[in-house]
Amino acid sequence: MAGEPIKLGSAAATRLVFERGSRITTTPSGIQACAVSALCPDGANVFNFIPAAGSNFNNVFGNSYLPATFKVDYVGGGADIEYLEGKAARVTINFKRPDPNRQQGRAGAKISVDSAVNYKSILSGSFYPTPVIGFPAGGDNNADLMGFPEPIVRVEYSNLTVPPISRGFNGLYATPDEPAAAGFPILTQIRCRFDVYLPVGSTIQYWNGTAFVSYGPAAANVIFQFRLIFDPNSLGWQLQKVKADPQADSSFYDCAEEWRMKYFFTGVQFIRIIPAP
């Protein structure tokens, strides 16, 4: 039949009509999100009914099907609109809130530990003293890059305000006894064995823990074994990144911090001299 389709509902409706909701998900930083679908009987004027970011759920739908603490969030974009038969429209709106069962702020943060291998910077030969002075007969100075994983900690939480960017919470560094490092892993000294191959006829001067000792010319192929000692930075964990993404019209913030611990060479121990295989 030709003509205008039948209009569903009333054009005078002042609210969106709750249709259905989706599951509530919670992010690692403690933010709950839910997408809610609603029907607008007056599809031609649907934009007049789109709620503002930050609006409470009950102010949008006039009921408490979801707690009022859920607020309209357009961080990922605006509301999704689908035009339907009968001049109606379906509107999908995202709502978010901080998880009420989780403490807000840094005290309720999720702590995740990762690592990155540092081959250069403070670990390369130009930054820590070599235990050996001298060169083998072949001219190879045994220089090599060494490295090991340095820990990186990610801190995720929700907060009502933007955390200070310039100095984090307790400065650019945090020692293990400070609140900013609460929940971080306990770090200990790292010891790395360092072998130096010495062929026949070579001479060497090495540190035995007390003084430099001269050795050679070597009568046989031997290996000098040392232990290099590295300690965590005495300044503490270094703040490398602070992030704060506004949620629900800046009603609260999705926050993350990244901290890294760097190691410094602090000593060398002579272990022994063994025959080379």
C-alpha atoms as a PDB file:
ATOM      1  CA  MET A   1       0.000   0.000   0.000  1.00  0.00           C
ATOM      2  CA  ALA A   2       1.362   3.388  -1.009  1.00  0.00           C
ATOM      3  CA  GLY A   3       1.666   6.309   1.369  1.00  0.00           C
ATOM      4  CA  GLU A   4       3.418   7.167   4.591  1.00  0.00           C
ATOM      5  CA  PRO A   5       4.336   4.257   6.893  1.00  0.00           C
ATOM      6  CA  ILE A   6       2.666   4.013  10.247  1.00  0.00           C
ATOM      7  CA  LYS A   7       4.677   5.853  12.917  1.00  0.00           C
ATOM      8  CA  LEU A   8       5.439   3.827  16.055  1.00  0.00           C
ATOM      9  CA  GLY A   9       4.848   5.481  19.402  1.00  0.00           C
ATOM     10  CA  SER A  10       4.367   9.186  19.889  1.00  0.00           C
ATOM     11  CA  ALA A  11       6.359  11.992  18.362  1.00  0.00           C
ATOM     12  CA  ALA A  12       5.858  13.860  21.601  1.00  0.00           C
ATOM     13  CA  ALA A  13       7.917  11.335  23.550  1.00  0.00           C
ATOM     14  CA  THR A  14      10.526  13.120  25.658  1.00  0.00           C
ATOM     15  CA  ARG A  15      12.769  10.135  26.374  1.00  0.00           C
ATOM     16  CA  LEU A  16      14.415   7.270  24.658  1.00  0.00           C
ATOM     17  CA  VAL A  17      12.683   3.958  25.356  1.00  0.00           C
ATOM     18  CA  PHE A  18      14.967   1.364  26.896  1.00  0.00           C
ATOM     19  CA  GLU A  19      15.111  -1.670  24.599  1.00  0.00           C
ATOM     20  CA  ARG A  20      17.937  -3.897  25.766  1.00  0.00           C
ATOM     21  CA  GLY A  21      21.346  -3.832  27.377  1.00  0.00           C
ATOM     22  CA  SER A  22      24.530  -5.722  26.847  1.00  0.00           C
ATOM     23  CA  ARG A  23      26.890  -7.310  29.326  1.00  0.00           C
ATOM     24  CA  ILE A  24      28.971  -5.151  31.628  1.00  0.00           C
ATOM     25  CA  THR A  25      32.727  -5.448  31.126  1.00  0.00           C
ATOM     26  CA  THR A  26      35.496  -4.203  33.403  1.00  0.00           C
ATOM     27  CA  THR A  27      38.872  -2.942  32.200  1.00  0.00           C
ATOM     28  CA  PRO A  28      42.199  -3.617  33.966  1.00  0.00           C
ATOM     29  CA  SER A  29      42.086  -0.071  35.322  1.00  0.00           C
ATOM     30  CA  GLY A  30      38.730  -0.758  37.018  1.00  0.00           C
ATOM     31  CA  ILE A  31      36.259   0.915  34.660  1.00  0.00           C
ATOM     32  CA  GLN A  32      32.913  -0.784  33.967  1.00  0.00           C
ATOM     33  CA  ALA A  33      31.320  -0.301  30.537  1.00  0.00           C
ATOM     34  CA  CYS A  34      27.932  -1.254  29.110  1.00  0.00           C
ATOM     35  CA  ALA A  35      26.303  -0.575  25.738  1.00  0.00           C
ATOM     36  CA  VAL A  36      22.530   0.035  25.947  1.00  0.00           C
ATOM     37  CA  SER A  37      20.116   0.006  23.008  1.00  0.00           C
ATOM     38  CA  ALA A  38      17.080   2.316  23.029  1.00  0.00           C
ATOM     39  CA  LEU A  39      14.198   3.025  20.675  1.00  0.00           C
ATOM     40  CA  CYS A  40      13.274   6.502  19.585  1.00  0.00           C
ATOM     41  CA  PRO A  41       9.668   6.658  18.316  1.00  0.00           C
ATOM     42  CA  ASP A  42      10.388   9.917  16.454  1.00  0.00           C
ATOM     43  CA  GLY A  43      13.252   8.801  14.248  1.00  0.00           C
ATOM     44  CA  ALA A  44      13.156  11.958  12.152  1.00  0.00           C
ATOM     45  CA  ASN A  45      14.154  13.981  15.208  1.00  0.00           C
ATOM     46  CA  VAL A  46      16.351  11.386  16.879  1.00  0.00           C
ATOM     47  CA  PHE A  47      19.244  13.825  17.344  1.00  0.00           C
ATOM     48  CA  ASN A  48      17.049  15.898  19.650  1.00  0.00           C
ATOM     49  CA  PHE A  49      16.974  12.932  22.051  1.00  0.00           C
ATOM     50  CA  ILE A  50      20.669  12.018  22.113  1.00  0.00           C
ATOM     51  CA  PRO A  51      21.878  12.590  25.711  1.00  0.00           C
ATOM     52  CA  ALA A  52      24.919  14.664  26.497  1.00  0.00           C
ATOM     53  CA  ALA A  53      28.151  12.971  27.537  1.00  0.00           C
ATOM     54  CA  GLY A  54      28.270  12.522  31.286  1.00  0.00           C
ATOM     55  CA  SER A  55      24.489  12.168  31.708  1.00  0.00           C
ATOM     56  CA  ASN A  56      23.413   9.647  34.349  1.00  0.00           C
ATOM     57  CA  PHE A  57      21.574   6.521  33.216  1.00  0.00           C
ATOM     58  CA  ASN A  58      18.383   7.371  35.142  1.00  0.00           C
ATOM     59  CA  ASN A  59      18.264  10.837  33.545  1.00  0.00           C
ATOM     60  CA  VAL A  60      18.401   9.249  30.100  1.00  0.00           C
ATOM     61  CA  PHE A  61      15.818   6.512  30.583  1.00  0.00           C
ATOM     62  CA  GLY A  62      13.928   7.604  33.674  1.00  0.00           C
ATOM     63  CA  ASN A  63      14.525   4.287  35.460  1.00  0.00           C
ATOM     64  CA  SER A  64      17.181   2.568  37.530  1.00  0.00           C
ATOM     65  CA  TYR A  65      17.560  -0.592  35.463  1.00  0.00           C
ATOM     66  CA  LEU A  66      21.247   0.262  35.569  1.00  0.00           C
ATOM     67  CA  PRO A  67      22.620   2.185  38.563  1.00  0.00           C
ATOM     68  CA  ALA A  68      22.563   5.946  38.149  1.00  0.00           C
ATOM     69  CA  THR A  69      26.334   5.994  38.563  1.00  0.00           C
ATOM     70  CA  PHE A  70      26.647   4.771  34.967  1.00  0.00           C
ATOM     71  CA  LYS A  71      27.247   7.830  32.794  1.00  0.00           C
ATOM     72  CA  VAL A  72      27.029   8.392  29.051  1.00  0.00           C
ATOM     73  CA  ASP A  73      30.457   8.023  27.461  1.00  0.00           C
ATOM     74  CA  TYR A  74      31.458   9.090  23.967  1.00  0.00           C
ATOM     75  CA  VAL A  75      35.218   8.484  24.211  1.00  0.00           C
ATOM     76  CA  GLY A  76      35.130   5.982  21.333  1.00  0.00           C
ATOM     77  CA  GLY A  77      32.732   8.169  19.308  1.00  0.00           C
ATOM     78  CA  GLY A  78      29.106   9.272  19.555  1.00  0.00           C
ATOM     79  CA  ALA A  79      25.932   7.230  19.836  1.00  0.00           C
ATOM     80  CA  ASP A  80      25.226   4.659  17.099  1.00  0.00           C
ATOM     81  CA  ILE A  81      21.944   5.353  15.253  1.00  0.00           C
ATOM     82  CA  GLU A  82      19.972   2.865  13.138  1.00  0.00           C
ATOM     83  CA  TYR A  83      16.848   4.020  11.312  1.00  0.00           C
ATOM     84  CA  LEU A  84      13.998   1.472  11.444  1.00  0.00           C
ATOM     85  CA  GLU A  85      10.624   0.922   9.856  1.00  0.00           C
ATOM     86  CA  GLY A  86       7.735   3.036  11.071  1.00  0.00           C
ATOM     87  CA  LYS A  87       9.915   6.178  11.285  1.00  0.00           C
ATOM     88  CA  ALA A  88      11.533   4.891  14.462  1.00  0.00           C
ATOM     89  CA  ALA A  89      15.223   4.720  15.238  1.00  0.00           C
ATOM     90  CA  ARG A  90      17.412   2.560  17.407  1.00  0.00           C
ATOM     91  CA  VAL A  91      20.121   4.311  19.393  1.00  0.00           C
ATOM     92  CA  THR A  92      23.033   2.497  21.067  1.00  0.00           C
ATOM     93  CA  ILE A  93      24.704   4.431  23.855  1.00  0.00           C
ATOM     94  CA  ASN A  94      27.808   3.528  25.839  1.00  0.00           C
ATOM     95  CA  PHE A  95      27.767   3.976  29.605  1.00  0.00           C
ATOM     96  CA  LYS A  96      30.754   3.821  31.976  1.00  0.00           C
ATOM     97  CA  ARG A  97      31.524   4.110  35.663  1.00  0.00           C
ATOM     98  CA  PRO A  98      34.353   3.244  38.059  1.00  0.00           C
ATOM     99  CA  ASP A  99      33.950  -0.256  39.489  1.00  0.00           C
ATOM    100  CA  PRO A 100      32.261   0.320  42.891  1.00  0.00           C
ATOM    101  CA  ASN A 101      33.936  -2.798  44.301  1.00  0.00           C
ATOM    102  CA  ARG A 102      37.412  -1.483  43.603  1.00  0.00           C
ATOM    103  CA  GLN A 103      39.130   1.371  45.354  1.00  0.00           C
ATOM    104  CA  GLN A 104      39.719   4.341  43.088  1.00  0.00           C
ATOM    105  CA  GLY A 105      43.082   6.007  42.734  1.00  0.00           C
ATOM    106  CA  ARG A 106      46.590   4.635  42.967  1.00  0.00           C
ATOM    107  CA  ALA A 107      45.774   2.594  46.094  1.00  0.00           C
ATOM    108  CA  GLY A 108      43.419   0.375  44.069  1.00  0.00           C
ATOM    109  CA  ALA A 109      45.658  -0.007  41.036  1.00  0.00           C
ATOM    110  CA  LYS A 110      46.384  -3.185  39.126  1.00  0.00           C
ATOM    111  CA  ILE A 111      50.133  -3.848  38.995  1.00  0.00           C
ATOM    112  CA  SER A 112      51.563  -5.672  35.954  1.00  0.00           C
ATOM    113  CA  VAL A 113      55.216  -6.567  35.494  1.00  0.00           C
ATOM    114  CA  ASP A 114      57.004  -6.771  32.153  1.00  0.00           C
ATOM    115  CA  SER A 115      60.636  -6.441  31.115  1.00  0.00           C
ATOM    116  CA  ALA A 116      62.895  -5.155  28.379  1.00  0.00           C
ATOM    117  CA  VAL A 117      66.396  -6.401  27.655  1.00  0.00           C
ATOM    118  CA  ASN A 118      68.983  -3.649  27.957  1.00  0.00           C
ATOM    119  CA  TYR A 119      72.049  -4.454  25.860  1.00  0.00           C
ATOM    120  CA  LYS A 120      73.674  -1.068  25.807  1.00  0.00           C
ATOM    121  CA  SER A 121      73.328   2.061  27.950  1.00  0.00           C
ATOM    122  CA  ILE A 122      74.718   1.280  31.395  1.00  0.00           C
ATOM    123  CA  LEU A 123      75.415  -2.373  30.573  1.00  0.00           C
ATOM    124  CA  SER A 124      77.780  -1.996  27.630  1.00  0.00           C
ATOM    125  CA  GLY A 125      81.545  -2.133  27.955  1.00  0.00           C
ATOM    126  CA  SER A 126      81.954   1.633  27.744  1.00  0.00           C
ATOM    127  CA  PHE A 127      79.860   2.115  30.869  1.00  0.00           C
ATOM    128  CA  TYR A 128      81.220  -0.429  33.321  1.00  0.00           C
ATOM    129  CA  PRO A 129      84.887  -1.113  34.152  1.00  0.00           C
ATOM    130  CA  THR A 130      86.314  -4.181  32.488  1.00  0.00           C
ATOM    131  CA  PRO A 131      88.047  -6.559  34.888  1.00  0.00           C
ATOM    132  CA  VAL A 132      90.788  -7.094  32.316  1.00  0.00           C
ATOM    133  CA  ILE A 133      93.498  -4.808  31.001  1.00  0.00           C
ATOM    134  CA  GLY A 134      95.516  -6.055  28.032  1.00  0.00           C
ATOM    135  CA  PHE A 135      95.041  -7.856  24.754  1.00  0.00           C
ATOM    136  CA  PRO A 136      95.442 -11.481  23.668  1.00  0.00           C
ATOM    137  CA  ALA A 137      98.078 -12.409  21.142  1.00  0.00           C
ATOM    138  CA  GLY A 138      95.500 -12.397  18.364  1.00  0.00           C
ATOM    139  CA  GLY A 139      94.550  -8.765  19.009  1.00  0.00           C
ATOM    140  CA  ASP A 140      90.948  -9.471  20.082  1.00  0.00           C
ATOM    141  CA  ASN A 141      90.134  -7.345  23.122  1.00  0.00           C
ATOM    142  CA  ASN A 142      87.238  -9.647  24.131  1.00  0.00           C
ATOM    143  CA  ALA A 143      84.866  -6.694  24.062  1.00  0.00           C
ATOM    144  CA  ASP A 144      81.249  -7.763  23.818  1.00  0.00           C
ATOM    145  CA  LEU A 145      77.837  -6.368  24.590  1.00  0.00           C
ATOM    146  CA  MET A 146      76.053  -7.940  27.526  1.00  0.00           C
ATOM    147  CA  GLY A 147      72.525  -7.454  28.680  1.00  0.00           C
ATOM    148  CA  PHE A 148      69.707  -8.787  30.805  1.00  0.00           C
ATOM    149  CA  PRO A 149      66.032  -7.982  31.326  1.00  0.00           C
ATOM    150  CA  GLU A 150      65.275  -4.841  33.300  1.00  0.00           C
ATOM    151  CA  PRO A 151      61.804  -4.802  34.915  1.00  0.00           C
ATOM    152  CA  ILE A 152      59.008  -2.519  33.718  1.00  0.00           C
ATOM    153  CA  VAL A 153      55.903  -2.054  35.864  1.00  0.00           C
ATOM    154  CA  ARG A 154      52.549  -0.857  34.514  1.00  0.00           C
ATOM    155  CA  VAL A 155      50.099   0.657  37.009  1.00  0.00           C
ATOM    156  CA  GLU A 156      46.430   0.896  35.917  1.00  0.00           C
ATOM    157  CA  TYR A 157      43.608   2.561  37.865  1.00  0.00           C
ATOM    158  CA  SER A 158      40.662   4.945  37.612  1.00  0.00           C
ATOM    159  CA  ASN A 159      40.785   8.346  39.243  1.00  0.00           C
ATOM    160  CA  LEU A 160      38.471  11.333  39.657  1.00  0.00           C
ATOM    161  CA  THR A 161      41.204  13.775  38.607  1.00  0.00           C
ATOM    162  CA  VAL A 162      44.203  13.820  36.299  1.00  0.00           C
ATOM    163  CA  PRO A 163      47.330  12.640  38.163  1.00  0.00           C
ATOM    164  CA  PRO A 164      50.243  15.098  38.127  1.00  0.00           C
ATOM    165  CA  ILE A 165      52.129  14.609  34.886  1.00  0.00           C
ATOM    166  CA  SER A 166      55.377  16.403  35.622  1.00  0.00           C
ATOM    167  CA  ARG A 167      56.337  14.502  38.776  1.00  0.00           C
ATOM    168  CA  GLY A 168      53.977  11.529  39.016  1.00  0.00           C
ATOM    169  CA  PHE A 169      52.732  10.998  42.555  1.00  0.00           C
ATOM    170  CA  ASN A 170      56.018  10.963  44.467  1.00  0.00           C
ATOM    171  CA  GLY A 171      58.444  12.381  41.940  1.00  0.00           C
ATOM    172  CA  LEU A 172      60.237  11.082  38.891  1.00  0.00           C
ATOM    173  CA  TYR A 173      61.742   8.284  40.992  1.00  0.00           C
ATOM    174  CA  ALA A 174      60.248   6.077  43.693  1.00  0.00           C
ATOM    175  CA  THR A 175      62.219   3.937  46.134  1.00  0.00           C
ATOM    176  CA  PRO A 176      60.680   0.645  47.340  1.00  0.00           C
ATOM    177  CA  ASP A 177      59.544   2.222  50.630  1.00  0.00           C
ATOM    178  CA  GLU A 178      57.497   4.971  48.950  1.00  0.00           C
ATOM    179  CA  PRO A 179      53.738   4.732  48.176  1.00  0.00           C
ATOM    180  CA  ALA A 180      54.329   5.179  44.430  1.00  0.00           C
ATOM    181  CA  ALA A 181      56.215   1.865  44.382  1.00  0.00           C
ATOM    182  CA  ALA A 182      53.649  -0.037  46.454  1.00  0.00           C
ATOM    183  CA  GLY A 183      53.046  -3.482  44.973  1.00  0.00           C
ATOM    184  CA  PHE A 184      56.172  -3.397  42.789  1.00  0.00           C
ATOM    185  CA  PRO A 185      58.385  -6.520  42.733  1.00  0.00           C
ATOM    186  CA  ILE A 186      61.260  -6.761  45.192  1.00  0.00           C
ATOM    187  CA  LEU A 187      64.540  -6.516  43.302  1.00  0.00           C
ATOM    188  CA  THR A 188      67.880  -7.996  44.224  1.00  0.00           C
ATOM    189  CA  GLN A 189      71.440  -7.802  42.999  1.00  0.00           C
ATOM    190  CA  ILE A 190      72.197  -9.345  39.605  1.00  0.00           C
ATOM    191  CA  ARG A 191      75.440 -11.273  39.141  1.00  0.00           C
ATOM    192  CA  CYS A 192      76.709 -12.215  35.699  1.00  0.00           C
ATOM    193  CA  ARG A 193      79.615 -14.538  34.970  1.00  0.00           C
ATOM    194  CA  PHE A 194      82.155 -13.035  32.607  1.00  0.00           C
ATOM    195  CA  ASP A 195      84.676 -15.355  30.897  1.00  0.00           C
ATOM    196  CA  VAL A 196      87.826 -14.136  29.176  1.00  0.00           C
ATOM    197  CA  TYR A 197      89.667 -16.552  26.863  1.00  0.00           C
ATOM    198  CA  LEU A 198      93.445 -16.183  26.915  1.00  0.00           C
ATOM    199  CA  PRO A 199      95.423 -18.079  24.228  1.00  0.00           C
ATOM    200  CA  VAL A 200      99.018 -19.243  24.483  1.00  0.00           C
ATOM    201  CA  GLY A 201     101.537 -16.418  24.570  1.00  0.00           C
ATOM    202  CA  SER A 202      99.102 -13.736  25.721  1.00  0.00           C
ATOM    203  CA  THR A 203      99.593 -11.446  28.700  1.00  0.00           C
ATOM    204  CA  ILE A 204      96.927  -9.959  30.884  1.00  0.00           C
ATOM    205  CA  GLN A 205      96.417  -7.814  33.944  1.00  0.00           C
ATOM    206  CA  TYR A 206      93.297  -8.473  35.966  1.00  0.00           C
ATOM    207  CA  TRP A 207      91.642  -7.307  39.181  1.00  0.00           C
ATOM    208  CA  ASN A 208      91.513 -10.024  41.844  1.00  0.00           C
ATOM    209  CA  GLY A 209      89.294  -8.077  44.207  1.00  0.00           C
ATOM    210  CA  THR A 210      92.161  -6.387  45.997  1.00  0.00           C
ATOM    211  CA  ALA A 211      94.725  -5.312  43.430  1.00  0.00           C
ATOM    212  CA  PHE A 212      95.666  -5.652  39.766  1.00  0.00           C
ATOM    213  CA  VAL A 213      97.660  -8.812  39.047  1.00  0.00           C
ATOM    214  CA  SER A 214      99.846  -9.437  35.988  1.00  0.00           C
ATOM    215  CA  TYR A 215      99.641 -12.816  34.242  1.00  0.00           C
ATOM    216  CA  GLY A 216     101.543 -14.213  31.272  1.00  0.00           C
ATOM    217  CA  PRO A 217     102.826 -14.914  28.821  1.00  0.00           C
ATOM    218  CA  ALA A 218     100.343 -17.787  29.062  1.00  0.00           C
ATOM    219  CA  ALA A 219     101.939 -21.230  28.704  1.00  0.00           C
ATOM    220  CA  ALA A 220      98.592 -22.764  27.672  1.00  0.00           C
ATOM    221  CA  ASN A 221      95.140 -21.700  26.600  1.00  0.00           C
ATOM    222  CA  VAL A 222      93.208 -20.651  29.718  1.00  0.00           C
ATOM    223  CA  ILE A 223      89.947 -18.989  30.691  1.00  0.00           C
ATOM    224  CA  PHE A 224      89.686 -16.273  33.320  1.00  0.00           C
ATOM    225  CA  GLN A 225      86.320 -16.307  35.079  1.00  0.00           C
ATOM    226  CA  PHE A 226      84.910 -13.187  36.745  1.00  0.00           C
ATOM    227  CA  ARG A 227      81.597 -12.246  38.280  1.00  0.00           C
ATOM    228  CA  LEU A 228      80.176  -8.825  37.365  1.00  0.00           C
ATOM    229  CA  ILE A 229      77.823  -7.324  39.939  1.00  0.00           C
ATOM    230  CA  PHE A 230      74.909  -4.999  39.146  1.00  0.00           C
ATOM    231  CA  ASP A 231      72.621  -3.288  41.649  1.00  0.00           C
ATOM    232  CA  PRO A 232      69.231  -1.586  41.158  1.00  0.00           C
ATOM    233  CA  ASN A 233      69.386   2.184  40.777  1.00  0.00           C
ATOM    234  CA  SER A 234      69.638   3.694  44.253  1.00  0.00           C
ATOM    235  CA  LEU A 235      67.250   6.469  43.167  1.00  0.00           C
ATOM    236  CA  GLY A 236      64.551   3.835  42.745  1.00  0.00           C
ATOM    237  CA  TRP A 237      62.033   3.153  39.993  1.00  0.00           C
ATOM    238  CA  GLN A 238      62.021   5.732  37.207  1.00  0.00           C
ATOM    239  CA  LEU A 239      58.676   7.118  36.025  1.00  0.00           C
ATOM    240  CA  GLN A 240      58.619   6.838  32.230  1.00  0.00           C
ATOM    241  CA  LYS A 241      54.998   7.547  31.338  1.00  0.00           C
ATOM    242  CA  VAL A 242      51.760   8.896  32.821  1.00  0.00           C
ATOM    243  CA  LYS A 243      48.451   8.578  30.918  1.00  0.00           C
ATOM    244  CA  ALA A 244      44.991   9.868  31.824  1.00  0.00           C
ATOM    245  CA  ASP A 245      42.111   9.418  29.350  1.00  0.00           C
ATOM    246  CA  PRO A 246      38.889  11.312  30.221  1.00  0.00           C
ATOM    247  CA  GLN A 247      35.756   9.165  30.569  1.00  0.00           C
ATOM    248  CA  ALA A 248      32.081  10.189  30.457  1.00  0.00           C
ATOM    249  CA  ASP A 249      32.749  13.882  29.812  1.00  0.00           C
ATOM    250  CA  SER A 250      35.705  13.934  32.258  1.00  0.00           C
ATOM    251  CA  SER A 251      33.608  12.547  35.110  1.00  0.00           C
ATOM    252  CA  PHE A 252      36.616  10.342  35.886  1.00  0.00           C
ATOM    253  CA  TYR A 253      39.849   9.237  34.193  1.00  0.00           C
ATOM    254  CA  ASP A 254      41.369   6.006  32.928  1.00  0.00           C
ATOM    255  CA  CYS A 255      44.931   6.270  34.243  1.00  0.00           C
ATOM    256  CA  ALA A 256      48.136   4.351  33.673  1.00  0.00           C
ATOM    257  CA  GLU A 257      51.734   4.808  34.754  1.00  0.00           C
ATOM    258  CA  GLU A 258      54.860   3.061  33.505  1.00  0.00           C
ATOM    259  CA  TRP A 259      57.901   2.658  35.747  1.00  0.00           C
ATOM    260  CA  ARG A 260      61.267   1.103  34.933  1.00  0.00           C
ATOM    261  CA  MET A 261      64.168  -0.007  37.077  1.00  0.00           C
ATOM    262  CA  LYS A 262      67.676   0.356  35.686  1.00  0.00           C
ATOM    263  CA  TYR A 263      70.747  -1.482  36.933  1.00  0.00           C
ATOM    264  CA  PHE A 264      74.231  -0.091  37.448  1.00  0.00           C
ATOM    265  CA  PHE A 265      77.568  -1.863  37.548  1.00  0.00           C
ATOM    266  CA  THR A 266      78.853  -1.849  41.140  1.00  0.00           C
ATOM    267  CA  GLY A 267      81.713  -4.328  41.251  1.00  0.00           C
ATOM    268  CA  VAL A 268      83.629  -7.315  39.905  1.00  0.00           C
ATOM    269  CA  GLN A 269      84.821 -10.503  41.588  1.00  0.00           C
ATOM    270  CA  PHE A 270      87.655 -12.716  40.331  1.00  0.00           C
ATOM    271  CA  ILE A 271      86.588 -16.367  40.513  1.00  0.00           C
ATOM    272  CA  ARG A 272      89.323 -18.560  39.060  1.00  0.00           C
ATOM    273  CA  ILE A 273      91.556 -19.517  36.131  1.00  0.00           C
ATOM    274  CA  ILE A 274      90.665 -22.764  34.344  1.00  0.00           C
ATOM    275  CA  PRO A 275      92.143 -24.607  31.351  1.00  0.00           C
ATOM    276  CA  ALA A 276      90.468 -23.725  28.061  1.00  0.00           C
ATOM    277  CA  PRO A 277      88.704 -26.656  26.384  1.00  0.00           C
END
